[in-house]
Amino acid sequence: MGLSVDYCLHVAHAYILARAKTRRDRAKLAVEAMGASILSSAITTGGASAFLLFASITVLSTIGFVMVGMVVLSLSFSMLMFVSLMATFGPERDRGCCDSFNCCSRSRCRSHRGDTAPGPIV
């Protein structure tokens, strides 16, 4: 479960930090910023799990099948469906900032209001 959510969280975080005004531009910047990292992660995880597919022990081959299937479905959903949903229904402009929910640091979303914040995606 955790691995399947991870890809979407990375895309969503990049989307929120993108400095574009429109949803489509923010989604494009999010994919440009995180797409290669997510794809690399999926390739390494799926590749490492693919060796289990050829195991003679049934439990290991089943785990390999589940892992490879989960990586393929998670990558497909996060890079196709989730990005499309964010480009269509995601927050625009300065909306989507979760300052009220962040009890540790209230400066993370300043980039949306025009202030400077460390590490924004340009």
PDB file of N, CA and C in Angstrom:
ATOM      1  N   MET A   1       0.827  -1.193   0.000  1.00  0.00           N
ATOM      2  CA  MET A   1       0.000   0.000   0.000  1.00  0.00           C
ATOM      3  C   MET A   1       0.870   1.255   0.000  1.00  0.00           C
ATOM      4  N   GLY A   2       1.900   1.283   0.802  1.00  0.00           N
ATOM      5  CA  GLY A   2       2.740   2.476   0.903  1.00  0.00           C
ATOM      6  C   GLY A   2       3.460   2.806  -0.386  1.00  0.00           C
ATOM      7  N   LEU A   3       3.928   1.779  -1.091  1.00  0.00           N
ATOM      8  CA  LEU A   3       4.624   2.029  -2.351  1.00  0.00           C
ATOM      9  C   LEU A   3       3.683   2.578  -3.407  1.00  0.00           C
ATOM     10  N   SER A   4       2.440   2.144  -3.406  1.00  0.00           N
ATOM     11  CA  SER A   4       1.506   2.609  -4.428  1.00  0.00           C
ATOM     12  C   SER A   4       1.080   4.055  -4.220  1.00  0.00           C
ATOM     13  N   VAL A   5       1.113   4.542  -3.013  1.00  0.00           N
ATOM     14  CA  VAL A   5       0.742   5.920  -2.730  1.00  0.00           C
ATOM     15  C   VAL A   5       1.923   6.873  -2.942  1.00  0.00           C
ATOM     16  N   ASP A   6       3.111   6.358  -2.822  1.00  0.00           N
ATOM     17  CA  ASP A   6       4.321   7.171  -2.853  1.00  0.00           C
ATOM     18  C   ASP A   6       4.461   7.974  -4.136  1.00  0.00           C
ATOM     19  N   TYR A   7       4.201   7.371  -5.285  1.00  0.00           N
ATOM     20  CA  TYR A   7       4.368   8.075  -6.554  1.00  0.00           C
ATOM     21  C   TYR A   7       3.399   9.260  -6.648  1.00  0.00           C
ATOM     22  N   CYS A   8       2.167   9.059  -6.248  1.00  0.00           N
ATOM     23  CA  CYS A   8       1.177  10.152  -6.297  1.00  0.00           C
ATOM     24  C   CYS A   8       1.544  11.278  -5.338  1.00  0.00           C
ATOM     25  N   LEU A   9       2.072  10.941  -4.192  1.00  0.00           N
ATOM     26  CA  LEU A   9       2.470  11.983  -3.242  1.00  0.00           C
ATOM     27  C   LEU A   9       3.599  12.845  -3.791  1.00  0.00           C
ATOM     28  N   HIS A  10       4.541  12.241  -4.475  1.00  0.00           N
ATOM     29  CA  HIS A  10       5.628  13.017  -5.064  1.00  0.00           C
ATOM     30  C   HIS A  10       5.111  13.955  -6.153  1.00  0.00           C
ATOM     31  N   VAL A  11       4.199  13.466  -6.981  1.00  0.00           N
ATOM     32  CA  VAL A  11       3.623  14.313  -8.025  1.00  0.00           C
ATOM     33  C   VAL A  11       2.795  15.438  -7.402  1.00  0.00           C
ATOM     34  N   ALA A  12       2.006  15.120  -6.393  1.00  0.00           N
ATOM     35  CA  ALA A  12       1.174  16.141  -5.742  1.00  0.00           C
ATOM     36  C   ALA A  12       2.033  17.207  -5.070  1.00  0.00           C
ATOM     37  N   HIS A  13       3.104  16.805  -4.440  1.00  0.00           N
ATOM     38  CA  HIS A  13       3.990  17.770  -3.788  1.00  0.00           C
ATOM     39  C   HIS A  13       4.637  18.694  -4.817  1.00  0.00           C
ATOM     40  N   ALA A  14       5.088  18.128  -5.922  1.00  0.00           N
ATOM     41  CA  ALA A  14       5.676  18.942  -6.986  1.00  0.00           C
ATOM     42  C   ALA A  14       4.628  19.865  -7.602  1.00  0.00           C
ATOM     43  N   TYR A  15       3.395  19.402  -7.710  1.00  0.00           N
ATOM     44  CA  TYR A  15       2.305  20.228  -8.250  1.00  0.00           C
ATOM     45  C   TYR A  15       2.045  21.429  -7.345  1.00  0.00           C
ATOM     46  N   ILE A  16       1.992  21.209  -6.047  1.00  0.00           N
ATOM     47  CA  ILE A  16       1.726  22.298  -5.112  1.00  0.00           C
ATOM     48  C   ILE A  16       2.863  23.313  -5.125  1.00  0.00           C
ATOM     49  N   LEU A  17       4.103  22.865  -5.261  1.00  0.00           N
ATOM     50  CA  LEU A  17       5.236  23.785  -5.251  1.00  0.00           C
ATOM     51  C   LEU A  17       5.504  24.460  -6.592  1.00  0.00           C
ATOM     52  N   ALA A  18       4.830  24.014  -7.658  1.00  0.00           N
ATOM     53  CA  ALA A  18       5.049  24.609  -8.978  1.00  0.00           C
ATOM     54  C   ALA A  18       4.578  26.065  -8.971  1.00  0.00           C
ATOM     55  N   ARG A  19       5.323  26.919  -9.650  1.00  0.00           N
ATOM     56  CA  ARG A  19       5.022  28.349  -9.654  1.00  0.00           C
ATOM     57  C   ARG A  19       4.198  28.801 -10.845  1.00  0.00           C
ATOM     58  N   ALA A  20       3.560  27.904 -11.523  1.00  0.00           N
ATOM     59  CA  ALA A  20       2.716  28.267 -12.664  1.00  0.00           C
ATOM     60  C   ALA A  20       1.341  28.710 -12.167  1.00  0.00           C
ATOM     61  N   LYS A  21       0.620  29.415 -13.017  1.00  0.00           N
ATOM     62  CA  LYS A  21      -0.691  29.935 -12.623  1.00  0.00           C
ATOM     63  C   LYS A  21      -1.827  28.984 -12.987  1.00  0.00           C
ATOM     64  N   THR A  22      -1.698  28.263 -14.100  1.00  0.00           N
ATOM     65  CA  THR A  22      -2.785  27.387 -14.534  1.00  0.00           C
ATOM     66  C   THR A  22      -2.542  25.954 -14.085  1.00  0.00           C
ATOM     67  N   ARG A  23      -3.615  25.206 -14.028  1.00  0.00           N
ATOM     68  CA  ARG A  23      -3.528  23.803 -13.628  1.00  0.00           C
ATOM     69  C   ARG A  23      -2.662  23.004 -14.597  1.00  0.00           C
ATOM     70  N   ARG A  24      -2.881  23.223 -15.872  1.00  0.00           N
ATOM     71  CA  ARG A  24      -2.141  22.469 -16.886  1.00  0.00           C
ATOM     72  C   ARG A  24      -0.637  22.726 -16.774  1.00  0.00           C
ATOM     73  N   ASP A  25      -0.252  23.988 -16.591  1.00  0.00           N
ATOM     74  CA  ASP A  25       1.172  24.315 -16.467  1.00  0.00           C
ATOM     75  C   ASP A  25       1.773  23.745 -15.193  1.00  0.00           C
ATOM     76  N   ARG A  26       0.992  23.764 -14.109  1.00  0.00           N
ATOM     77  CA  ARG A  26       1.482  23.189 -12.850  1.00  0.00           C
ATOM     78  C   ARG A  26       1.673  21.684 -12.983  1.00  0.00           C
ATOM     79  N   ALA A  27       0.740  21.019 -13.666  1.00  0.00           N
ATOM     80  CA  ALA A  27       0.864  19.572 -13.874  1.00  0.00           C
ATOM     81  C   ALA A  27       2.085  19.267 -14.749  1.00  0.00           C
ATOM     82  N   LYS A  28       2.303  20.100 -15.769  1.00  0.00           N
ATOM     83  CA  LYS A  28       3.471  19.900 -16.637  1.00  0.00           C
ATOM     84  C   LYS A  28       4.765  20.071 -15.856  1.00  0.00           C
ATOM     85  N   LEU A  29       4.842  21.099 -15.022  1.00  0.00           N
ATOM     86  CA  LEU A  29       6.037  21.310 -14.208  1.00  0.00           C
ATOM     87  C   LEU A  29       6.243  20.176 -13.206  1.00  0.00           C
ATOM     88  N   ALA A  30       5.150  19.666 -12.654  1.00  0.00           N
ATOM     89  CA  ALA A  30       5.259  18.566 -11.695  1.00  0.00           C
ATOM     90  C   ALA A  30       5.828  17.316 -12.363  1.00  0.00           C
ATOM     91  N   VAL A  31       5.371  17.025 -13.568  1.00  0.00           N
ATOM     92  CA  VAL A  31       5.882  15.850 -14.284  1.00  0.00           C
ATOM     93  C   VAL A  31       7.330  16.080 -14.700  1.00  0.00           C
ATOM     94  N   GLU A  32       7.656  17.290 -15.123  1.00  0.00           N
ATOM     95  CA  GLU A  32       9.040  17.578 -15.485  1.00  0.00           C
ATOM     96  C   GLU A  32       9.970  17.457 -14.286  1.00  0.00           C
ATOM     97  N   ALA A  33       9.483  17.882 -13.124  1.00  0.00           N
ATOM     98  CA  ALA A  33      10.330  17.860 -11.929  1.00  0.00           C
ATOM     99  C   ALA A  33      10.476  16.458 -11.345  1.00  0.00           C
ATOM    100  N   MET A  34       9.409  15.682 -11.326  1.00  0.00           N
ATOM    101  CA  MET A  34       9.433  14.407 -10.622  1.00  0.00           C
ATOM    102  C   MET A  34       9.324  13.180 -11.520  1.00  0.00           C
ATOM    103  N   GLY A  35       9.015  13.368 -12.797  1.00  0.00           N
ATOM    104  CA  GLY A  35       8.777  12.232 -13.687  1.00  0.00           C
ATOM    105  C   GLY A  35       9.952  11.279 -13.789  1.00  0.00           C
ATOM    106  N   ALA A  36      11.135  11.812 -13.988  1.00  0.00           N
ATOM    107  CA  ALA A  36      12.318  10.953 -14.136  1.00  0.00           C
ATOM    108  C   ALA A  36      12.620  10.203 -12.841  1.00  0.00           C
ATOM    109  N   SER A  37      12.469  10.868 -11.718  1.00  0.00           N
ATOM    110  CA  SER A  37      12.728  10.211 -10.424  1.00  0.00           C
ATOM    111  C   SER A  37      11.725   9.097 -10.162  1.00  0.00           C
ATOM    112  N   ILE A  38      10.473   9.360 -10.459  1.00  0.00           N
ATOM    113  CA  ILE A  38       9.436   8.347 -10.241  1.00  0.00           C
ATOM    114  C   ILE A  38       9.649   7.168 -11.183  1.00  0.00           C
ATOM    115  N   LEU A  39       9.963   7.448 -12.432  1.00  0.00           N
ATOM    116  CA  LEU A  39      10.214   6.372 -13.388  1.00  0.00           C
ATOM    117  C   LEU A  39      11.425   5.546 -12.977  1.00  0.00           C
ATOM    118  N   SER A  40      12.477   6.199 -12.532  1.00  0.00           N
ATOM    119  CA  SER A  40      13.666   5.477 -12.071  1.00  0.00           C
ATOM    120  C   SER A  40      13.354   4.592 -10.874  1.00  0.00           C
ATOM    121  N   SER A  41      12.561   5.107  -9.960  1.00  0.00           N
ATOM    122  CA  SER A  41      12.164   4.329  -8.797  1.00  0.00           C
ATOM    123  C   SER A  41      11.343   3.110  -9.204  1.00  0.00           C
ATOM    124  N   ALA A  42      10.428   3.305 -10.138  1.00  0.00           N
ATOM    125  CA  ALA A  42       9.606   2.182 -10.597  1.00  0.00           C
ATOM    126  C   ALA A  42      10.447   1.128 -11.313  1.00  0.00           C
ATOM    127  N   ILE A  43      11.411   1.575 -12.094  1.00  0.00           N
ATOM    128  CA  ILE A  43      12.267   0.622 -12.812  1.00  0.00           C
ATOM    129  C   ILE A  43      13.106  -0.198 -11.842  1.00  0.00           C
ATOM    130  N   THR A  44      13.687   0.454 -10.848  1.00  0.00           N
ATOM    131  CA  THR A  44      14.523  -0.291  -9.901  1.00  0.00           C
ATOM    132  C   THR A  44      13.695  -1.222  -9.026  1.00  0.00           C
ATOM    133  N   THR A  45      12.549  -0.754  -8.553  1.00  0.00           N
ATOM    134  CA  THR A  45      11.699  -1.608  -7.713  1.00  0.00           C
ATOM    135  C   THR A  45      11.135  -2.769  -8.516  1.00  0.00           C
ATOM    136  N   GLY A  46      10.614  -2.465  -9.704  1.00  0.00           N
ATOM    137  CA  GLY A  46      10.079  -3.526 -10.555  1.00  0.00           C
ATOM    138  C   GLY A  46      11.157  -4.488 -11.024  1.00  0.00           C
ATOM    139  N   GLY A  47      12.330  -3.941 -11.343  1.00  0.00           N
ATOM    140  CA  GLY A  47      13.431  -4.798 -11.784  1.00  0.00           C
ATOM    141  C   GLY A  47      13.920  -5.723 -10.693  1.00  0.00           C
ATOM    142  N   ALA A  48      14.004  -5.204  -9.481  1.00  0.00           N
ATOM    143  CA  ALA A  48      14.430  -6.047  -8.362  1.00  0.00           C
ATOM    144  C   ALA A  48      13.388  -7.118  -8.049  1.00  0.00           C
ATOM    145  N   SER A  49      12.123  -6.763  -8.210  1.00  0.00           N
ATOM    146  CA  SER A  49      11.054  -7.730  -7.938  1.00  0.00           C
ATOM    147  C   SER A  49      10.884  -8.738  -9.071  1.00  0.00           C
ATOM    148  N   ALA A  50      11.306  -8.376 -10.273  1.00  0.00           N
ATOM    149  CA  ALA A  50      11.141  -9.271 -11.423  1.00  0.00           C
ATOM    150  C   ALA A  50      11.924 -10.567 -11.258  1.00  0.00           C
ATOM    151  N   PHE A  51      13.030 -10.521 -10.543  1.00  0.00           N
ATOM    152  CA  PHE A  51      13.808 -11.746 -10.315  1.00  0.00           C
ATOM    153  C   PHE A  51      13.009 -12.769  -9.510  1.00  0.00           C
ATOM    154  N   LEU A  52      12.087 -12.296  -8.695  1.00  0.00           N
ATOM    155  CA  LEU A  52      11.270 -13.218  -7.907  1.00  0.00           C
ATOM    156  C   LEU A  52      10.276 -13.993  -8.768  1.00  0.00           C
ATOM    157  N   LEU A  53       9.956 -13.476  -9.942  1.00  0.00           N
ATOM    158  CA  LEU A  53       8.999 -14.160 -10.820  1.00  0.00           C
ATOM    159  C   LEU A  53       9.503 -15.538 -11.240  1.00  0.00           C
ATOM    160  N   PHE A  54      10.805 -15.711 -11.304  1.00  0.00           N
ATOM    161  CA  PHE A  54      11.396 -16.958 -11.778  1.00  0.00           C
ATOM    162  C   PHE A  54      11.797 -17.896 -10.640  1.00  0.00           C
ATOM    163  N   ALA A  55      11.385 -17.569  -9.426  1.00  0.00           N
ATOM    164  CA  ALA A  55      11.716 -18.419  -8.279  1.00  0.00           C
ATOM    165  C   ALA A  55      10.915 -19.717  -8.335  1.00  0.00           C
ATOM    166  N   SER A  56      11.520 -20.781  -7.873  1.00  0.00           N
ATOM    167  CA  SER A  56      10.825 -22.064  -7.865  1.00  0.00           C
ATOM    168  C   SER A  56       9.896 -22.202  -6.658  1.00  0.00           C
ATOM    169  N   ILE A  57      10.080 -21.359  -5.675  1.00  0.00           N
ATOM    170  CA  ILE A  57       9.211 -21.374  -4.497  1.00  0.00           C
ATOM    171  C   ILE A  57       7.980 -20.525  -4.814  1.00  0.00           C
ATOM    172  N   THR A  58       6.814 -21.096  -4.658  1.00  0.00           N
ATOM    173  CA  THR A  58       5.570 -20.451  -5.061  1.00  0.00           C
ATOM    174  C   THR A  58       5.330 -19.128  -4.345  1.00  0.00           C
ATOM    175  N   VAL A  59       5.643 -19.086  -3.070  1.00  0.00           N
ATOM    176  CA  VAL A  59       5.419 -17.854  -2.303  1.00  0.00           C
ATOM    177  C   VAL A  59       6.259 -16.713  -2.867  1.00  0.00           C
ATOM    178  N   LEU A  60       7.502 -16.969  -3.200  1.00  0.00           N
ATOM    179  CA  LEU A  60       8.370 -15.921  -3.735  1.00  0.00           C
ATOM    180  C   LEU A  60       7.917 -15.455  -5.115  1.00  0.00           C
ATOM    181  N   SER A  61       7.496 -16.379  -5.966  1.00  0.00           N
ATOM    182  CA  SER A  61       7.025 -15.976  -7.287  1.00  0.00           C
ATOM    183  C   SER A  61       5.721 -15.183  -7.183  1.00  0.00           C
ATOM    184  N   THR A  62       4.892 -15.509  -6.219  1.00  0.00           N
ATOM    185  CA  THR A  62       3.656 -14.757  -6.007  1.00  0.00           C
ATOM    186  C   THR A  62       3.966 -13.345  -5.518  1.00  0.00           C
ATOM    187  N   ILE A  63       4.907 -13.227  -4.593  1.00  0.00           N
ATOM    188  CA  ILE A  63       5.318 -11.903  -4.113  1.00  0.00           C
ATOM    189  C   ILE A  63       5.897 -11.081  -5.266  1.00  0.00           C
ATOM    190  N   GLY A  64       6.695 -11.709  -6.113  1.00  0.00           N
ATOM    191  CA  GLY A  64       7.243 -11.018  -7.272  1.00  0.00           C
ATOM    192  C   GLY A  64       6.160 -10.541  -8.209  1.00  0.00           C
ATOM    193  N   PHE A  65       5.166 -11.390  -8.464  1.00  0.00           N
ATOM    194  CA  PHE A  65       4.051 -11.001  -9.333  1.00  0.00           C
ATOM    195  C   PHE A  65       3.273  -9.827  -8.752  1.00  0.00           C
ATOM    196  N   VAL A  66       3.005  -9.872  -7.453  1.00  0.00           N
ATOM    197  CA  VAL A  66       2.276  -8.781  -6.797  1.00  0.00           C
ATOM    198  C   VAL A  66       3.081  -7.491  -6.837  1.00  0.00           C
ATOM    199  N   MET A  67       4.364  -7.574  -6.560  1.00  0.00           N
ATOM    200  CA  MET A  67       5.212  -6.371  -6.555  1.00  0.00           C
ATOM    201  C   MET A  67       5.321  -5.744  -7.942  1.00  0.00           C
ATOM    202  N   VAL A  68       5.584  -6.556  -8.959  1.00  0.00           N
ATOM    203  CA  VAL A  68       5.705  -6.016 -10.316  1.00  0.00           C
ATOM    204  C   VAL A  68       4.365  -5.437 -10.771  1.00  0.00           C
ATOM    205  N   GLY A  69       3.297  -6.132 -10.505  1.00  0.00           N
ATOM    206  CA  GLY A  69       1.968  -5.623 -10.865  1.00  0.00           C
ATOM    207  C   GLY A  69       1.632  -4.327 -10.154  1.00  0.00           C
ATOM    208  N   MET A  70       1.973  -4.253  -8.878  1.00  0.00           N
ATOM    209  CA  MET A  70       1.705  -3.045  -8.106  1.00  0.00           C
ATOM    210  C   MET A  70       2.511  -1.864  -8.628  1.00  0.00           C
ATOM    211  N   VAL A  71       3.753  -2.092  -8.990  1.00  0.00           N
ATOM    212  CA  VAL A  71       4.590  -1.009  -9.516  1.00  0.00           C
ATOM    213  C   VAL A  71       4.050  -0.525 -10.856  1.00  0.00           C
ATOM    214  N   VAL A  72       3.674  -1.447 -11.726  1.00  0.00           N
ATOM    215  CA  VAL A  72       3.141  -1.058 -13.039  1.00  0.00           C
ATOM    216  C   VAL A  72       1.845  -0.273 -12.884  1.00  0.00           C
ATOM    217  N   LEU A  73       0.931  -0.761 -12.058  1.00  0.00           N
ATOM    218  CA  LEU A  73      -0.335  -0.054 -11.850  1.00  0.00           C
ATOM    219  C   LEU A  73      -0.131   1.296 -11.167  1.00  0.00           C
ATOM    220  N   SER A  74       0.745   1.353 -10.187  1.00  0.00           N
ATOM    221  CA  SER A  74       1.002   2.612  -9.481  1.00  0.00           C
ATOM    222  C   SER A  74       1.626   3.649 -10.395  1.00  0.00           C
ATOM    223  N   LEU A  75       2.585   3.227 -11.199  1.00  0.00           N
ATOM    224  CA  LEU A  75       3.220   4.147 -12.139  1.00  0.00           C
ATOM    225  C   LEU A  75       2.210   4.635 -13.171  1.00  0.00           C
ATOM    226  N   SER A  76       1.404   3.733 -13.682  1.00  0.00           N
ATOM    227  CA  SER A  76       0.385   4.121 -14.665  1.00  0.00           C
ATOM    228  C   SER A  76      -0.610   5.104 -14.069  1.00  0.00           C
ATOM    229  N   PHE A  77      -1.093   4.814 -12.873  1.00  0.00           N
ATOM    230  CA  PHE A  77      -2.069   5.701 -12.257  1.00  0.00           C
ATOM    231  C   PHE A  77      -1.470   7.062 -11.941  1.00  0.00           C
ATOM    232  N   SER A  78      -0.288   7.083 -11.349  1.00  0.00           N
ATOM    233  CA  SER A  78       0.266   8.369 -10.914  1.00  0.00           C
ATOM    234  C   SER A  78       0.681   9.244 -12.086  1.00  0.00           C
ATOM    235  N   MET A  79       1.244   8.663 -13.141  1.00  0.00           N
ATOM    236  CA  MET A  79       1.733   9.480 -14.253  1.00  0.00           C
ATOM    237  C   MET A  79       0.668   9.755 -15.312  1.00  0.00           C
ATOM    238  N   LEU A  80      -0.374   8.976 -15.361  1.00  0.00           N
ATOM    239  CA  LEU A  80      -1.428   9.205 -16.350  1.00  0.00           C
ATOM    240  C   LEU A  80      -2.697   9.751 -15.708  1.00  0.00           C
ATOM    241  N   MET A  81      -3.313   8.956 -14.866  1.00  0.00           N
ATOM    242  CA  MET A  81      -4.608   9.334 -14.290  1.00  0.00           C
ATOM    243  C   MET A  81      -4.483  10.483 -13.295  1.00  0.00           C
ATOM    244  N   PHE A  82      -3.561  10.383 -12.357  1.00  0.00           N
ATOM    245  CA  PHE A  82      -3.458  11.414 -11.323  1.00  0.00           C
ATOM    246  C   PHE A  82      -3.032  12.755 -11.899  1.00  0.00           C
ATOM    247  N   VAL A  83      -2.081  12.737 -12.829  1.00  0.00           N
ATOM    248  CA  VAL A  83      -1.647  13.992 -13.452  1.00  0.00           C
ATOM    249  C   VAL A  83      -2.796  14.598 -14.246  1.00  0.00           C
ATOM    250  N   SER A  84      -3.583  13.770 -14.939  1.00  0.00           N
ATOM    251  CA  SER A  84      -4.744  14.273 -15.673  1.00  0.00           C
ATOM    252  C   SER A  84      -5.781  14.879 -14.730  1.00  0.00           C
ATOM    253  N   LEU A  85      -5.995  14.211 -13.604  1.00  0.00           N
ATOM    254  CA  LEU A  85      -6.939  14.761 -12.619  1.00  0.00           C
ATOM    255  C   LEU A  85      -6.451  16.090 -12.047  1.00  0.00           C
ATOM    256  N   MET A  86      -5.157  16.185 -11.765  1.00  0.00           N
ATOM    257  CA  MET A  86      -4.610  17.444 -11.246  1.00  0.00           C
ATOM    258  C   MET A  86      -4.685  18.553 -12.298  1.00  0.00           C
ATOM    259  N   ALA A  87      -4.441  18.221 -13.556  1.00  0.00           N
ATOM    260  CA  ALA A  87      -4.514  19.217 -14.621  1.00  0.00           C
ATOM    261  C   ALA A  87      -5.948  19.680 -14.861  1.00  0.00           C
ATOM    262  N   THR A  88      -6.921  18.851 -14.509  1.00  0.00           N
ATOM    263  CA  THR A  88      -8.324  19.197 -14.722  1.00  0.00           C
ATOM    264  C   THR A  88      -8.968  19.809 -13.480  1.00  0.00           C
ATOM    265  N   PHE A  89      -8.739  19.209 -12.315  1.00  0.00           N
ATOM    266  CA  PHE A  89      -9.437  19.617 -11.107  1.00  0.00           C
ATOM    267  C   PHE A  89      -8.528  20.144  -9.998  1.00  0.00           C
ATOM    268  N   GLY A  90      -7.231  20.170 -10.199  1.00  0.00           N
ATOM    269  CA  GLY A  90      -6.294  20.564  -9.147  1.00  0.00           C
ATOM    270  C   GLY A  90      -6.417  22.038  -8.771  1.00  0.00           C
ATOM    271  N   PRO A  91      -5.829  22.419  -7.651  1.00  0.00           N
ATOM    272  CA  PRO A  91      -5.882  23.814  -7.229  1.00  0.00           C
ATOM    273  C   PRO A  91      -5.105  24.722  -8.173  1.00  0.00           C
ATOM    274  N   GLU A  92      -5.581  25.950  -8.325  1.00  0.00           N
ATOM    275  CA  GLU A  92      -4.937  26.941  -9.185  1.00  0.00           C
ATOM    276  C   GLU A  92      -4.417  28.102  -8.360  1.00  0.00           C
ATOM    277  N   ARG A  93      -3.509  28.851  -8.962  1.00  0.00           N
ATOM    278  CA  ARG A  93      -2.913  30.061  -8.388  1.00  0.00           C
ATOM    279  C   ARG A  93      -2.436  29.809  -6.968  1.00  0.00           C
ATOM    280  N   ASP A  94      -2.922  30.570  -6.005  1.00  0.00           N
ATOM    281  CA  ASP A  94      -2.456  30.426  -4.626  1.00  0.00           C
ATOM    282  C   ASP A  94      -3.320  29.479  -3.818  1.00  0.00           C
ATOM    283  N   ARG A  95      -4.286  28.843  -4.435  1.00  0.00           N
ATOM    284  CA  ARG A  95      -5.121  27.881  -3.717  1.00  0.00           C
ATOM    285  C   ARG A  95      -4.374  26.561  -3.582  1.00  0.00           C
ATOM    286  N   GLY A  96      -4.722  25.803  -2.579  1.00  0.00           N
ATOM    287  CA  GLY A  96      -4.075  24.522  -2.366  1.00  0.00           C
ATOM    288  C   GLY A  96      -2.971  24.565  -1.339  1.00  0.00           C
ATOM    289  N   CYS A  97      -2.749  25.697  -0.740  1.00  0.00           N
ATOM    290  CA  CYS A  97      -1.731  25.811   0.293  1.00  0.00           C
ATOM    291  C   CYS A  97      -2.312  25.306   1.605  1.00  0.00           C
ATOM    292  N   CYS A  98      -1.604  24.451   2.271  1.00  0.00           N
ATOM    293  CA  CYS A  98      -2.107  23.820   3.491  1.00  0.00           C
ATOM    294  C   CYS A  98      -1.422  24.378   4.730  1.00  0.00           C
ATOM    295  N   ASP A  99      -1.262  25.694   4.795  1.00  0.00           N
ATOM    296  CA  ASP A  99      -0.598  26.293   5.949  1.00  0.00           C
ATOM    297  C   ASP A  99      -1.285  25.950   7.264  1.00  0.00           C
ATOM    298  N   SER A 100      -2.600  25.913   7.259  1.00  0.00           N
ATOM    299  CA  SER A 100      -3.303  25.682   8.519  1.00  0.00           C
ATOM    300  C   SER A 100      -3.100  24.259   9.033  1.00  0.00           C
ATOM    301  N   PHE A 101      -2.731  23.329   8.153  1.00  0.00           N
ATOM    302  CA  PHE A 101      -2.520  21.949   8.570  1.00  0.00           C
ATOM    303  C   PHE A 101      -1.078  21.663   8.932  1.00  0.00           C
ATOM    304  N   ASN A 102      -0.174  22.545   8.590  1.00  0.00           N
ATOM    305  CA  ASN A 102       1.243  22.318   8.839  1.00  0.00           C
ATOM    306  C   ASN A 102       1.637  22.985  10.156  1.00  0.00           C
ATOM    307  N   CYS A 103       1.779  22.195  11.197  1.00  0.00           N
ATOM    308  CA  CYS A 103       2.070  22.763  12.505  1.00  0.00           C
ATOM    309  C   CYS A 103       3.563  23.014  12.718  1.00  0.00           C
ATOM    310  N   CYS A 104       4.409  22.452  11.863  1.00  0.00           N
ATOM    311  CA  CYS A 104       5.856  22.586  12.068  1.00  0.00           C
ATOM    312  C   CYS A 104       6.422  23.849  11.437  1.00  0.00           C
ATOM    313  N   SER A 105       6.050  24.117  10.200  1.00  0.00           N
ATOM    314  CA  SER A 105       6.618  25.259   9.504  1.00  0.00           C
ATOM    315  C   SER A 105       5.553  25.906   8.643  1.00  0.00           C
ATOM    316  N   ARG A 106       5.297  27.163   8.895  1.00  0.00           N
ATOM    317  CA  ARG A 106       4.276  27.863   8.131  1.00  0.00           C
ATOM    318  C   ARG A 106       4.843  28.567   6.905  1.00  0.00           C
ATOM    319  N   SER A 107       6.121  28.396   6.614  1.00  0.00           N
ATOM    320  CA  SER A 107       6.727  29.099   5.495  1.00  0.00           C
ATOM    321  C   SER A 107       6.797  28.256   4.229  1.00  0.00           C
ATOM    322  N   ARG A 108       6.294  27.042   4.236  1.00  0.00           N
ATOM    323  CA  ARG A 108       6.424  26.161   3.074  1.00  0.00           C
ATOM    324  C   ARG A 108       5.633  26.647   1.871  1.00  0.00           C
ATOM    325  N   CYS A 109       4.525  27.294   2.062  1.00  0.00           N
ATOM    326  CA  CYS A 109       3.674  27.680   0.941  1.00  0.00           C
ATOM    327  C   CYS A 109       3.799  29.156   0.597  1.00  0.00           C
ATOM    328  N   ARG A 110       4.793  29.827   1.084  1.00  0.00           N
ATOM    329  CA  ARG A 110       4.951  31.243   0.790  1.00  0.00           C
ATOM    330  C   ARG A 110       5.196  31.505  -0.686  1.00  0.00           C
ATOM    331  N   SER A 111       5.742  30.528  -1.386  1.00  0.00           N
ATOM    332  CA  SER A 111       6.019  30.722  -2.807  1.00  0.00           C
ATOM    333  C   SER A 111       4.738  30.983  -3.587  1.00  0.00           C
ATOM    334  N   HIS A 112       3.594  30.501  -3.094  1.00  0.00           N
ATOM    335  CA  HIS A 112       2.331  30.722  -3.784  1.00  0.00           C
ATOM    336  C   HIS A 112       1.821  32.141  -3.577  1.00  0.00           C
ATOM    337  N   ARG A 113       2.261  32.781  -2.516  1.00  0.00           N
ATOM    338  CA  ARG A 113       1.803  34.146  -2.242  1.00  0.00           C
ATOM    339  C   ARG A 113       2.780  35.192  -2.752  1.00  0.00           C
ATOM    340  N   GLY A 114       3.837  34.752  -3.393  1.00  0.00           N
ATOM    341  CA  GLY A 114       4.801  35.699  -3.935  1.00  0.00           C
ATOM    342  C   GLY A 114       6.035  35.875  -3.084  1.00  0.00           C
ATOM    343  N   ASP A 115       6.037  35.370  -1.855  1.00  0.00           N
ATOM    344  CA  ASP A 115       7.215  35.441  -1.005  1.00  0.00           C
ATOM    345  C   ASP A 115       8.224  34.404  -1.460  1.00  0.00           C
ATOM    346  N   THR A 116       9.373  34.432  -0.885  1.00  0.00           N
ATOM    347  CA  THR A 116      10.376  33.424  -1.231  1.00  0.00           C
ATOM    348  C   THR A 116      10.316  32.285  -0.223  1.00  0.00           C
ATOM    349  N   ALA A 117      10.484  31.090  -0.731  1.00  0.00           N
ATOM    350  CA  ALA A 117      10.528  29.907   0.118  1.00  0.00           C
ATOM    351  C   ALA A 117      11.691  29.050  -0.349  1.00  0.00           C
ATOM    352  N   PRO A 118      12.310  28.329   0.561  1.00  0.00           N
ATOM    353  CA  PRO A 118      13.444  27.508   0.149  1.00  0.00           C
ATOM    354  C   PRO A 118      13.010  26.371  -0.773  1.00  0.00           C
ATOM    355  N   GLY A 119      13.729  26.205  -1.868  1.00  0.00           N
ATOM    356  CA  GLY A 119      13.557  25.059  -2.754  1.00  0.00           C
ATOM    357  C   GLY A 119      12.311  24.993  -3.597  1.00  0.00           C
ATOM    358  N   PRO A 120      11.769  26.104  -4.139  1.00  0.00           N
ATOM    359  CA  PRO A 120      10.580  25.983  -4.974  1.00  0.00           C
ATOM    360  C   PRO A 120      10.933  25.412  -6.344  1.00  0.00           C
ATOM    361  N   ILE A 121       9.980  24.807  -6.965  1.00  0.00           N
ATOM    362  CA  ILE A 121      10.164  24.282  -8.317  1.00  0.00           C
ATOM    363  C   ILE A 121       9.864  25.410  -9.278  1.00  0.00           C
ATOM    364  N   VAL A 122      10.821  25.730 -10.108  1.00  0.00           N
ATOM    365  CA  VAL A 122      10.670  26.847 -11.040  1.00  0.00           C
ATOM    366  C   VAL A 122      10.291  26.347 -12.400  1.00  0.00           C
TER     367      VAL A 122
END
